[in-house]
Amino acid sequence: MKTRNGFVSNSSSSSFVITNTSDETKTLVDFVRENPQLVELWKQEYDGGDTLGNLIKSAEENDFDLLPGDNSCVFGDRQGTTIGRVFDYILRSGGKSENFIWEFDEYLR
């Protein structure tokens, strides 16, 4: 049996499918800007102190392309980023916006 002394985090990550329903390549930044309600849900449900500005900045620092169709994405608080922390929890219930549909895929522990 392994034991660990010191700080042990309860970090997690989850995988999601984000479908870009448009005919154009979009980015993670596009997804965040199109869905400002996600950070508001985060604040309400988890007492998160993050702002839309913080989430956009984190998306810019961790940006990637979301091609038309399905895109597998992993977000988690173990990444140590605002985008990872917020999206690991708030995307789990799924949703839809003008150019995107997102759904939970699996927990990665």
PDB file of N, CA and C in Angstrom:
ATOM      1  N   MET A   1       0.838  -1.177   0.000  1.00  0.00           N
ATOM      2  CA  MET A   1       0.000   0.000   0.000  1.00  0.00           C
ATOM      3  C   MET A   1       0.883   1.241   0.000  1.00  0.00           C
ATOM      4  N   LYS A   2       0.524   2.206  -0.842  1.00  0.00           N
ATOM      5  CA  LYS A   2       1.262   3.456  -0.894  1.00  0.00           C
ATOM      6  C   LYS A   2       0.641   4.446   0.071  1.00  0.00           C
ATOM      7  N   THR A   3       1.471   5.185   0.734  1.00  0.00           N
ATOM      8  CA  THR A   3       0.994   6.275   1.582  1.00  0.00           C
ATOM      9  C   THR A   3       1.719   7.535   1.160  1.00  0.00           C
ATOM     10  N   ARG A   4       1.104   8.635   1.439  1.00  0.00           N
ATOM     11  CA  ARG A   4       1.723   9.905   1.091  1.00  0.00           C
ATOM     12  C   ARG A   4       1.620  10.825   2.281  1.00  0.00           C
ATOM     13  N   ASN A   5       2.730  11.427   2.637  1.00  0.00           N
ATOM     14  CA  ASN A   5       2.751  12.411   3.713  1.00  0.00           C
ATOM     15  C   ASN A   5       2.659  13.800   3.108  1.00  0.00           C
ATOM     16  N   GLY A   6       2.035  14.700   3.803  1.00  0.00           N
ATOM     17  CA  GLY A   6       1.927  16.059   3.310  1.00  0.00           C
ATOM     18  C   GLY A   6       0.600  16.295   2.622  1.00  0.00           C
ATOM     19  N   PHE A   7       0.587  17.306   1.783  1.00  0.00           N
ATOM     20  CA  PHE A   7      -0.646  17.729   1.126  1.00  0.00           C
ATOM     21  C   PHE A   7      -1.105  16.688   0.115  1.00  0.00           C
ATOM     22  N   VAL A   8      -2.361  16.334   0.192  1.00  0.00           N
ATOM     23  CA  VAL A   8      -2.973  15.445  -0.796  1.00  0.00           C
ATOM     24  C   VAL A   8      -4.174  16.180  -1.360  1.00  0.00           C
ATOM     25  N   SER A   9      -4.182  16.380  -2.655  1.00  0.00           N
ATOM     26  CA  SER A   9      -5.294  17.126  -3.252  1.00  0.00           C
ATOM     27  C   SER A   9      -6.425  16.180  -3.616  1.00  0.00           C
ATOM     28  N   ASN A  10      -7.595  16.740  -3.702  1.00  0.00           N
ATOM     29  CA  ASN A  10      -8.761  15.993  -4.146  1.00  0.00           C
ATOM     30  C   ASN A  10      -9.062  16.412  -5.583  1.00  0.00           C
ATOM     31  N   SER A  11      -8.017  16.455  -6.389  1.00  0.00           N
ATOM     32  CA  SER A  11      -8.190  16.954  -7.744  1.00  0.00           C
ATOM     33  C   SER A  11      -8.858  15.923  -8.633  1.00  0.00           C
ATOM     34  N   SER A  12      -9.467  16.429  -9.664  1.00  0.00           N
ATOM     35  CA  SER A  12     -10.164  15.556 -10.595  1.00  0.00           C
ATOM     36  C   SER A  12     -10.097  16.170 -11.978  1.00  0.00           C
ATOM     37  N   SER A  13     -10.491  15.396 -12.939  1.00  0.00           N
ATOM     38  CA  SER A  13     -10.713  15.933 -14.274  1.00  0.00           C
ATOM     39  C   SER A  13     -11.815  15.115 -14.916  1.00  0.00           C
ATOM     40  N   SER A  14     -12.419  15.690 -15.909  1.00  0.00           N
ATOM     41  CA  SER A  14     -13.525  15.043 -16.604  1.00  0.00           C
ATOM     42  C   SER A  14     -13.360  15.288 -18.088  1.00  0.00           C
ATOM     43  N   SER A  15     -13.844  14.335 -18.871  1.00  0.00           N
ATOM     44  CA  SER A  15     -13.801  14.538 -20.319  1.00  0.00           C
ATOM     45  C   SER A  15     -15.201  14.888 -20.813  1.00  0.00           C
ATOM     46  N   PHE A  16     -15.216  15.714 -21.841  1.00  0.00           N
ATOM     47  CA  PHE A  16     -16.450  16.218 -22.412  1.00  0.00           C
ATOM     48  C   PHE A  16     -16.357  16.150 -23.924  1.00  0.00           C
ATOM     49  N   VAL A  17     -17.498  16.136 -24.568  1.00  0.00           N
ATOM     50  CA  VAL A  17     -17.555  16.294 -26.013  1.00  0.00           C
ATOM     51  C   VAL A  17     -18.187  17.656 -26.271  1.00  0.00           C
ATOM     52  N   ILE A  18     -17.430  18.520 -26.926  1.00  0.00           N
ATOM     53  CA  ILE A  18     -17.958  19.816 -27.342  1.00  0.00           C
ATOM     54  C   ILE A  18     -18.135  19.744 -28.851  1.00  0.00           C
ATOM     55  N   THR A  19     -19.374  19.849 -29.291  1.00  0.00           N
ATOM     56  CA  THR A  19     -19.676  19.798 -30.719  1.00  0.00           C
ATOM     57  C   THR A  19     -19.785  21.215 -31.255  1.00  0.00           C
ATOM     58  N   ASN A  20     -18.967  21.516 -32.233  1.00  0.00           N
ATOM     59  CA  ASN A  20     -19.032  22.784 -32.938  1.00  0.00           C
ATOM     60  C   ASN A  20     -20.056  22.592 -34.055  1.00  0.00           C
ATOM     61  N   THR A  21     -21.221  23.203 -33.914  1.00  0.00           N
ATOM     62  CA  THR A  21     -22.303  23.002 -34.879  1.00  0.00           C
ATOM     63  C   THR A  21     -22.211  23.939 -36.083  1.00  0.00           C
ATOM     64  N   SER A  22     -21.232  24.827 -36.084  1.00  0.00           N
ATOM     65  CA  SER A  22     -21.068  25.738 -37.221  1.00  0.00           C
ATOM     66  C   SER A  22     -20.244  25.062 -38.322  1.00  0.00           C
ATOM     67  N   ASP A  23     -20.088  25.769 -39.416  1.00  0.00           N
ATOM     68  CA  ASP A  23     -19.262  25.279 -40.525  1.00  0.00           C
ATOM     69  C   ASP A  23     -17.842  25.832 -40.457  1.00  0.00           C
ATOM     70  N   GLU A  24     -17.529  26.569 -39.400  1.00  0.00           N
ATOM     71  CA  GLU A  24     -16.222  27.217 -39.264  1.00  0.00           C
ATOM     72  C   GLU A  24     -15.464  26.648 -38.077  1.00  0.00           C
ATOM     73  N   THR A  25     -14.136  26.712 -38.150  1.00  0.00           N
ATOM     74  CA  THR A  25     -13.323  26.359 -36.991  1.00  0.00           C
ATOM     75  C   THR A  25     -13.510  27.438 -35.936  1.00  0.00           C
ATOM     76  N   LYS A  26     -13.817  27.026 -34.731  1.00  0.00           N
ATOM     77  CA  LYS A  26     -13.952  27.932 -33.594  1.00  0.00           C
ATOM     78  C   LYS A  26     -12.828  27.608 -32.614  1.00  0.00           C
ATOM     79  N   THR A  27     -12.705  28.394 -31.559  1.00  0.00           N
ATOM     80  CA  THR A  27     -11.678  28.162 -30.545  1.00  0.00           C
ATOM     81  C   THR A  27     -12.323  28.057 -29.167  1.00  0.00           C
ATOM     82  N   LEU A  28     -11.515  27.664 -28.203  1.00  0.00           N
ATOM     83  CA  LEU A  28     -11.992  27.630 -26.820  1.00  0.00           C
ATOM     84  C   LEU A  28     -12.420  29.027 -26.381  1.00  0.00           C
ATOM     85  N   VAL A  29     -11.696  30.038 -26.815  1.00  0.00           N
ATOM     86  CA  VAL A  29     -12.066  31.422 -26.486  1.00  0.00           C
ATOM     87  C   VAL A  29     -13.450  31.745 -27.051  1.00  0.00           C
ATOM     88  N   ASP A  30     -13.716  31.321 -28.277  1.00  0.00           N
ATOM     89  CA  ASP A  30     -15.048  31.529 -28.865  1.00  0.00           C
ATOM     90  C   ASP A  30     -16.127  30.871 -28.006  1.00  0.00           C
ATOM     91  N   PHE A  31     -15.851  29.654 -27.546  1.00  0.00           N
ATOM     92  CA  PHE A  31     -16.803  28.923 -26.708  1.00  0.00           C
ATOM     93  C   PHE A  31     -17.094  29.690 -25.420  1.00  0.00           C
ATOM     94  N   VAL A  32     -16.050  30.188 -24.765  1.00  0.00           N
ATOM     95  CA  VAL A  32     -16.227  30.929 -23.507  1.00  0.00           C
ATOM     96  C   VAL A  32     -17.010  32.216 -23.750  1.00  0.00           C
ATOM     97  N   ARG A  33     -16.649  32.952 -24.769  1.00  0.00           N
ATOM     98  CA  ARG A  33     -17.335  34.231 -25.042  1.00  0.00           C
ATOM     99  C   ARG A  33     -18.802  34.034 -25.406  1.00  0.00           C
ATOM    100  N   GLU A  34     -19.106  32.927 -26.055  1.00  0.00           N
ATOM    101  CA  GLU A  34     -20.491  32.651 -26.445  1.00  0.00           C
ATOM    102  C   GLU A  34     -21.329  32.152 -25.266  1.00  0.00           C
ATOM    103  N   ASN A  35     -20.681  31.741 -24.195  1.00  0.00           N
ATOM    104  CA  ASN A  35     -21.399  31.141 -23.064  1.00  0.00           C
ATOM    105  C   ASN A  35     -21.038  31.792 -21.728  1.00  0.00           C
ATOM    106  N   PRO A  36     -21.246  33.112 -21.593  1.00  0.00           N
ATOM    107  CA  PRO A  36     -20.902  33.784 -20.340  1.00  0.00           C
ATOM    108  C   PRO A  36     -21.728  33.290 -19.153  1.00  0.00           C
ATOM    109  N   GLN A  37     -22.860  32.663 -19.431  1.00  0.00           N
ATOM    110  CA  GLN A  37     -23.707  32.151 -18.351  1.00  0.00           C
ATOM    111  C   GLN A  37     -23.006  31.047 -17.561  1.00  0.00           C
ATOM    112  N   LEU A  38     -22.011  30.403 -18.150  1.00  0.00           N
ATOM    113  CA  LEU A  38     -21.335  29.298 -17.458  1.00  0.00           C
ATOM    114  C   LEU A  38     -20.576  29.775 -16.226  1.00  0.00           C
ATOM    115  N   VAL A  39     -19.918  30.928 -16.319  1.00  0.00           N
ATOM    116  CA  VAL A  39     -19.205  31.440 -15.149  1.00  0.00           C
ATOM    117  C   VAL A  39     -20.204  31.917 -14.093  1.00  0.00           C
ATOM    118  N   GLU A  40     -21.353  32.409 -14.519  1.00  0.00           N
ATOM    119  CA  GLU A  40     -22.386  32.809 -13.555  1.00  0.00           C
ATOM    120  C   GLU A  40     -22.940  31.586 -12.819  1.00  0.00           C
ATOM    121  N   LEU A  41     -23.157  30.490 -13.541  1.00  0.00           N
ATOM    122  CA  LEU A  41     -23.588  29.242 -12.891  1.00  0.00           C
ATOM    123  C   LEU A  41     -22.547  28.760 -11.893  1.00  0.00           C
ATOM    124  N   TRP A  42     -21.280  28.858 -12.268  1.00  0.00           N
ATOM    125  CA  TRP A  42     -20.168  28.468 -11.392  1.00  0.00           C
ATOM    126  C   TRP A  42     -20.221  29.271 -10.092  1.00  0.00           C
ATOM    127  N   LYS A  43     -20.424  30.574 -10.212  1.00  0.00           N
ATOM    128  CA  LYS A  43     -20.485  31.436  -9.030  1.00  0.00           C
ATOM    129  C   LYS A  43     -21.662  31.052  -8.133  1.00  0.00           C
ATOM    130  N   GLN A  44     -22.823  30.797  -8.746  1.00  0.00           N
ATOM    131  CA  GLN A  44     -24.022  30.471  -7.975  1.00  0.00           C
ATOM    132  C   GLN A  44     -23.936  29.102  -7.312  1.00  0.00           C
ATOM    133  N   GLU A  45     -23.507  28.103  -8.058  1.00  0.00           N
ATOM    134  CA  GLU A  45     -23.539  26.731  -7.563  1.00  0.00           C
ATOM    135  C   GLU A  45     -22.368  26.370  -6.664  1.00  0.00           C
ATOM    136  N   TYR A  46     -21.209  26.992  -6.887  1.00  0.00           N
ATOM    137  CA  TYR A  46     -20.010  26.581  -6.156  1.00  0.00           C
ATOM    138  C   TYR A  46     -19.346  27.719  -5.401  1.00  0.00           C
ATOM    139  N   ASP A  47     -20.004  28.863  -5.305  1.00  0.00           N
ATOM    140  CA  ASP A  47     -19.414  30.034  -4.664  1.00  0.00           C
ATOM    141  C   ASP A  47     -18.060  30.376  -5.262  1.00  0.00           C
ATOM    142  N   GLY A  48     -17.916  30.125  -6.558  1.00  0.00           N
ATOM    143  CA  GLY A  48     -16.657  30.430  -7.238  1.00  0.00           C
ATOM    144  C   GLY A  48     -16.463  31.926  -7.351  1.00  0.00           C
ATOM    145  N   GLY A  49     -15.266  32.387  -7.119  1.00  0.00           N
ATOM    146  CA  GLY A  49     -14.970  33.807  -7.176  1.00  0.00           C
ATOM    147  C   GLY A  49     -14.458  34.263  -8.527  1.00  0.00           C
ATOM    148  N   ASP A  50     -14.515  33.394  -9.514  1.00  0.00           N
ATOM    149  CA  ASP A  50     -13.970  33.731 -10.821  1.00  0.00           C
ATOM    150  C   ASP A  50     -14.913  34.636 -11.600  1.00  0.00           C
ATOM    151  N   THR A  51     -14.330  35.422 -12.495  1.00  0.00           N
ATOM    152  CA  THR A  51     -15.104  36.328 -13.337  1.00  0.00           C
ATOM    153  C   THR A  51     -15.014  35.875 -14.792  1.00  0.00           C
ATOM    154  N   LEU A  52     -15.872  36.429 -15.623  1.00  0.00           N
ATOM    155  CA  LEU A  52     -15.815  36.135 -17.049  1.00  0.00           C
ATOM    156  C   LEU A  52     -14.459  36.556 -17.611  1.00  0.00           C
ATOM    157  N   GLY A  53     -13.946  37.687 -17.153  1.00  0.00           N
ATOM    158  CA  GLY A  53     -12.630  38.145 -17.602  1.00  0.00           C
ATOM    159  C   GLY A  53     -11.535  37.139 -17.284  1.00  0.00           C
ATOM    160  N   ASN A  54     -11.568  36.572 -16.062  1.00  0.00           N
ATOM    161  CA  ASN A  54     -10.585  35.548 -15.681  1.00  0.00           C
ATOM    162  C   ASN A  54     -10.720  34.310 -16.554  1.00  0.00           C
ATOM    163  N   LEU A  55     -11.960  33.930 -16.852  1.00  0.00           N
ATOM    164  CA  LEU A  55     -12.202  32.736 -17.656  1.00  0.00           C
ATOM    165  C   LEU A  55     -11.722  32.945 -19.097  1.00  0.00           C
ATOM    166  N   ILE A  56     -11.968  34.117 -19.647  1.00  0.00           N
ATOM    167  CA  ILE A  56     -11.490  34.420 -21.002  1.00  0.00           C
ATOM    168  C   ILE A  56      -9.966  34.418 -21.037  1.00  0.00           C
ATOM    169  N   LYS A  57      -9.337  35.034 -20.040  1.00  0.00           N
ATOM    170  CA  LYS A  57      -7.864  35.054 -19.989  1.00  0.00           C
ATOM    171  C   LYS A  57      -7.310  33.637 -19.921  1.00  0.00           C
ATOM    172  N   SER A  58      -7.900  32.798 -19.098  1.00  0.00           N
ATOM    173  CA  SER A  58      -7.457  31.408 -18.988  1.00  0.00           C
ATOM    174  C   SER A  58      -7.678  30.660 -20.297  1.00  0.00           C
ATOM    175  N   ALA A  59      -8.793  30.941 -20.972  1.00  0.00           N
ATOM    176  CA  ALA A  59      -9.052  30.308 -22.273  1.00  0.00           C
ATOM    177  C   ALA A  59      -8.013  30.749 -23.295  1.00  0.00           C
ATOM    178  N   GLU A  60      -7.634  32.024 -23.268  1.00  0.00           N
ATOM    179  CA  GLU A  60      -6.601  32.514 -24.189  1.00  0.00           C
ATOM    180  C   GLU A  60      -5.263  31.823 -23.933  1.00  0.00           C
ATOM    181  N   GLU A  61      -4.944  31.599 -22.663  1.00  0.00           N
ATOM    182  CA  GLU A  61      -3.671  30.954 -22.306  1.00  0.00           C
ATOM    183  C   GLU A  61      -3.668  29.461 -22.616  1.00  0.00           C
ATOM    184  N   ASN A  62      -4.840  28.857 -22.750  1.00  0.00           N
ATOM    185  CA  ASN A  62      -4.963  27.413 -22.989  1.00  0.00           C
ATOM    186  C   ASN A  62      -5.775  27.128 -24.247  1.00  0.00           C
ATOM    187  N   ASP A  63      -5.757  28.057 -25.189  1.00  0.00           N
ATOM    188  CA  ASP A  63      -6.639  27.992 -26.352  1.00  0.00           C
ATOM    189  C   ASP A  63      -6.323  26.807 -27.264  1.00  0.00           C
ATOM    190  N   PHE A  64      -7.351  26.286 -27.877  1.00  0.00           N
ATOM    191  CA  PHE A  64      -7.205  25.251 -28.897  1.00  0.00           C
ATOM    192  C   PHE A  64      -8.383  25.349 -29.850  1.00  0.00           C
ATOM    193  N   ASP A  65      -8.209  24.768 -31.034  1.00  0.00           N
ATOM    194  CA  ASP A  65      -9.255  24.806 -32.052  1.00  0.00           C
ATOM    195  C   ASP A  65     -10.353  23.796 -31.756  1.00  0.00           C
ATOM    196  N   LEU A  66     -11.575  24.198 -32.044  1.00  0.00           N
ATOM    197  CA  LEU A  66     -12.741  23.323 -31.994  1.00  0.00           C
ATOM    198  C   LEU A  66     -13.260  23.237 -33.424  1.00  0.00           C
ATOM    199  N   LEU A  67     -12.895  22.168 -34.104  1.00  0.00           N
ATOM    200  CA  LEU A  67     -13.274  21.981 -35.502  1.00  0.00           C
ATOM    201  C   LEU A  67     -14.771  21.700 -35.616  1.00  0.00           C
ATOM    202  N   PRO A  68     -15.365  21.951 -36.775  1.00  0.00           N
ATOM    203  CA  PRO A  68     -16.772  21.580 -36.948  1.00  0.00           C
ATOM    204  C   PRO A  68     -16.965  20.095 -36.641  1.00  0.00           C
ATOM    205  N   GLY A  69     -18.002  19.771 -35.880  1.00  0.00           N
ATOM    206  CA  GLY A  69     -18.241  18.393 -35.451  1.00  0.00           C
ATOM    207  C   GLY A  69     -17.816  18.192 -34.010  1.00  0.00           C
ATOM    208  N   ASP A  70     -17.667  16.925 -33.622  1.00  0.00           N
ATOM    209  CA  ASP A  70     -17.357  16.568 -32.235  1.00  0.00           C
ATOM    210  C   ASP A  70     -15.888  16.792 -31.907  1.00  0.00           C
ATOM    211  N   ASN A  71     -15.635  17.313 -30.713  1.00  0.00           N
ATOM    212  CA  ASN A  71     -14.290  17.542 -30.209  1.00  0.00           C
ATOM    213  C   ASN A  71     -14.216  17.010 -28.789  1.00  0.00           C
ATOM    214  N   SER A  72     -13.310  16.081 -28.521  1.00  0.00           N
ATOM    215  CA  SER A  72     -13.116  15.578 -27.160  1.00  0.00           C
ATOM    216  C   SER A  72     -12.227  16.551 -26.408  1.00  0.00           C
ATOM    217  N   CYS A  73     -12.630  16.901 -25.186  1.00  0.00           N
ATOM    218  CA  CYS A  73     -11.895  17.861 -24.369  1.00  0.00           C
ATOM    219  C   CYS A  73     -11.813  17.341 -22.945  1.00  0.00           C
ATOM    220  N   VAL A  74     -10.709  17.634 -22.276  1.00  0.00           N
ATOM    221  CA  VAL A  74     -10.555  17.268 -20.869  1.00  0.00           C
ATOM    222  C   VAL A  74     -10.291  18.543 -20.084  1.00  0.00           C
ATOM    223  N   PHE A  75     -11.069  18.739 -19.025  1.00  0.00           N
ATOM    224  CA  PHE A  75     -10.877  19.869 -18.125  1.00  0.00           C
ATOM    225  C   PHE A  75     -10.792  19.325 -16.710  1.00  0.00           C
ATOM    226  N   GLY A  76      -9.941  19.940 -15.884  1.00  0.00           N
ATOM    227  CA  GLY A  76      -9.845  19.477 -14.512  1.00  0.00           C
ATOM    228  C   GLY A  76      -9.181  20.480 -13.607  1.00  0.00           C
ATOM    229  N   ASP A  77      -9.502  20.393 -12.314  1.00  0.00           N
ATOM    230  CA  ASP A  77      -8.879  21.303 -11.370  1.00  0.00           C
ATOM    231  C   ASP A  77      -7.411  20.964 -11.151  1.00  0.00           C
ATOM    232  N   ARG A  78      -6.990  19.774 -11.520  1.00  0.00           N
ATOM    233  CA  ARG A  78      -5.571  19.426 -11.379  1.00  0.00           C
ATOM    234  C   ARG A  78      -4.709  20.195 -12.371  1.00  0.00           C
ATOM    235  N   GLN A  79      -5.328  20.779 -13.402  1.00  0.00           N
ATOM    236  CA  GLN A  79      -4.578  21.582 -14.363  1.00  0.00           C
ATOM    237  C   GLN A  79      -4.083  22.884 -13.739  1.00  0.00           C
ATOM    238  N   GLY A  80      -4.711  23.293 -12.658  1.00  0.00           N
ATOM    239  CA  GLY A  80      -4.319  24.528 -11.997  1.00  0.00           C
ATOM    240  C   GLY A  80      -4.696  25.781 -12.769  1.00  0.00           C
ATOM    241  N   THR A  81      -5.673  25.673 -13.656  1.00  0.00           N
ATOM    242  CA  THR A  81      -6.116  26.819 -14.444  1.00  0.00           C
ATOM    243  C   THR A  81      -7.561  27.150 -14.103  1.00  0.00           C
ATOM    244  N   THR A  82      -7.929  28.385 -14.334  1.00  0.00           N
ATOM    245  CA  THR A  82      -9.316  28.787 -14.110  1.00  0.00           C
ATOM    246  C   THR A  82     -10.249  27.998 -15.016  1.00  0.00           C
ATOM    247  N   ILE A  83      -9.879  27.867 -16.287  1.00  0.00           N
ATOM    248  CA  ILE A  83     -10.736  27.143 -17.237  1.00  0.00           C
ATOM    249  C   ILE A  83     -10.906  25.690 -16.814  1.00  0.00           C
ATOM    250  N   GLY A  84      -9.839  25.068 -16.339  1.00  0.00           N
ATOM    251  CA  GLY A  84      -9.919  23.677 -15.901  1.00  0.00           C
ATOM    252  C   GLY A  84     -10.815  23.508 -14.691  1.00  0.00           C
ATOM    253  N   ARG A  85     -10.648  24.406 -13.722  1.00  0.00           N
ATOM    254  CA  ARG A  85     -11.421  24.327 -12.479  1.00  0.00           C
ATOM    255  C   ARG A  85     -12.915  24.552 -12.736  1.00  0.00           C
ATOM    256  N   VAL A  86     -13.240  25.583 -13.493  1.00  0.00           N
ATOM    257  CA  VAL A  86     -14.643  25.922 -13.734  1.00  0.00           C
ATOM    258  C   VAL A  86     -15.320  24.882 -14.626  1.00  0.00           C
ATOM    259  N   PHE A  87     -14.695  24.546 -15.741  1.00  0.00           N
ATOM    260  CA  PHE A  87     -15.340  23.649 -16.698  1.00  0.00           C
ATOM    261  C   PHE A  87     -15.408  22.214 -16.214  1.00  0.00           C
ATOM    262  N   ASP A  88     -14.476  21.779 -15.363  1.00  0.00           N
ATOM    263  CA  ASP A  88     -14.542  20.417 -14.823  1.00  0.00           C
ATOM    264  C   ASP A  88     -15.886  20.177 -14.143  1.00  0.00           C
ATOM    265  N   TYR A  89     -16.431  21.194 -13.510  1.00  0.00           N
ATOM    266  CA  TYR A  89     -17.689  21.036 -12.779  1.00  0.00           C
ATOM    267  C   TYR A  89     -18.906  21.529 -13.557  1.00  0.00           C
ATOM    268  N   ILE A  90     -18.781  22.670 -14.208  1.00  0.00           N
ATOM    269  CA  ILE A  90     -19.972  23.325 -14.740  1.00  0.00           C
ATOM    270  C   ILE A  90     -20.444  22.745 -16.071  1.00  0.00           C
ATOM    271  N   LEU A  91     -19.579  22.068 -16.818  1.00  0.00           N
ATOM    272  CA  LEU A  91     -20.011  21.479 -18.093  1.00  0.00           C
ATOM    273  C   LEU A  91     -20.688  20.127 -17.919  1.00  0.00           C
ATOM    274  N   ARG A  92     -20.663  19.575 -16.716  1.00  0.00           N
ATOM    275  CA  ARG A  92     -21.175  18.215 -16.491  1.00  0.00           C
ATOM    276  C   ARG A  92     -22.653  18.057 -16.809  1.00  0.00           C
ATOM    277  N   SER A  93     -23.430  19.112 -16.670  1.00  0.00           N
ATOM    278  CA  SER A  93     -24.871  18.989 -16.917  1.00  0.00           C
ATOM    279  C   SER A  93     -25.227  19.144 -18.395  1.00  0.00           C
ATOM    280  N   GLY A  94     -24.241  19.427 -19.233  1.00  0.00           N
ATOM    281  CA  GLY A  94     -24.499  19.564 -20.662  1.00  0.00           C
ATOM    282  C   GLY A  94     -25.180  20.875 -20.993  1.00  0.00           C
ATOM    283  N   GLY A  95     -25.260  21.175 -22.271  1.00  0.00           N
ATOM    284  CA  GLY A  95     -25.918  22.402 -22.679  1.00  0.00           C
ATOM    285  C   GLY A  95     -25.766  22.666 -24.158  1.00  0.00           C
ATOM    286  N   LYS A  96     -26.321  23.809 -24.561  1.00  0.00           N
ATOM    287  CA  LYS A  96     -26.344  24.168 -25.979  1.00  0.00           C
ATOM    288  C   LYS A  96     -26.333  25.684 -26.101  1.00  0.00           C
ATOM    289  N   SER A  97     -25.619  26.174 -27.101  1.00  0.00           N
ATOM    290  CA  SER A  97     -25.645  27.595 -27.431  1.00  0.00           C
ATOM    291  C   SER A  97     -25.703  27.726 -28.952  1.00  0.00           C
ATOM    292  N   GLU A  98     -25.543  28.912 -29.463  1.00  0.00           N
ATOM    293  CA  GLU A  98     -25.708  29.136 -30.901  1.00  0.00           C
ATOM    294  C   GLU A  98     -24.815  28.235 -31.761  1.00  0.00           C
ATOM    295  N   ASN A  99     -23.546  28.084 -31.389  1.00  0.00           N
ATOM    296  CA  ASN A  99     -22.599  27.323 -32.210  1.00  0.00           C
ATOM    297  C   ASN A  99     -22.043  26.070 -31.547  1.00  0.00           C
ATOM    298  N   PHE A 100     -22.518  25.752 -30.345  1.00  0.00           N
ATOM    299  CA  PHE A 100     -21.933  24.629 -29.612  1.00  0.00           C
ATOM    300  C   PHE A 100     -22.987  23.805 -28.872  1.00  0.00           C
ATOM    301  N   ILE A 101     -22.708  22.519 -28.760  1.00  0.00           N
ATOM    302  CA  ILE A 101     -23.433  21.618 -27.867  1.00  0.00           C
ATOM    303  C   ILE A 101     -22.357  20.910 -27.057  1.00  0.00           C
ATOM    304  N   TRP A 102     -22.553  20.805 -25.734  1.00  0.00           N
ATOM    305  CA  TRP A 102     -21.562  20.110 -24.927  1.00  0.00           C
ATOM    306  C   TRP A 102     -22.240  19.084 -24.042  1.00  0.00           C
ATOM    307  N   GLU A 103     -21.522  17.992 -23.810  1.00  0.00           N
ATOM    308  CA  GLU A 103     -22.054  16.923 -22.960  1.00  0.00           C
ATOM    309  C   GLU A 103     -20.914  16.240 -22.224  1.00  0.00           C
ATOM    310  N   PHE A 104     -21.243  15.736 -21.069  1.00  0.00           N
ATOM    311  CA  PHE A 104     -20.294  15.007 -20.235  1.00  0.00           C
ATOM    312  C   PHE A 104     -19.953  13.679 -20.896  1.00  0.00           C
ATOM    313  N   ASP A 105     -18.689  13.270 -20.804  1.00  0.00           N
ATOM    314  CA  ASP A 105     -18.265  11.978 -21.335  1.00  0.00           C
ATOM    315  C   ASP A 105     -17.904  11.030 -20.192  1.00  0.00           C
ATOM    316  N   GLU A 106     -16.861  11.359 -19.394  1.00  0.00           N
ATOM    317  CA  GLU A 106     -16.494  10.483 -18.280  1.00  0.00           C
ATOM    318  C   GLU A 106     -15.606  11.202 -17.275  1.00  0.00           C
ATOM    319  N   TYR A 107     -15.617  10.691 -16.026  1.00  0.00           N
ATOM    320  CA  TYR A 107     -14.717  11.169 -14.986  1.00  0.00           C
ATOM    321  C   TYR A 107     -13.364  10.519 -15.178  1.00  0.00           C
ATOM    322  N   LEU A 108     -12.316  11.291 -14.997  1.00  0.00           N
ATOM    323  CA  LEU A 108     -10.952  10.781 -15.065  1.00  0.00           C
ATOM    324  C   LEU A 108     -10.300  11.075 -13.723  1.00  0.00           C
ATOM    325  N   ARG A 109     -10.083  10.082 -12.934  1.00  0.00           N
ATOM    326  CA  ARG A 109      -9.500  10.300 -11.597  1.00  0.00           C
ATOM    327  C   ARG A 109      -8.124   9.728 -11.528  1.00  0.00           C
TER     328      ARG A 109
END
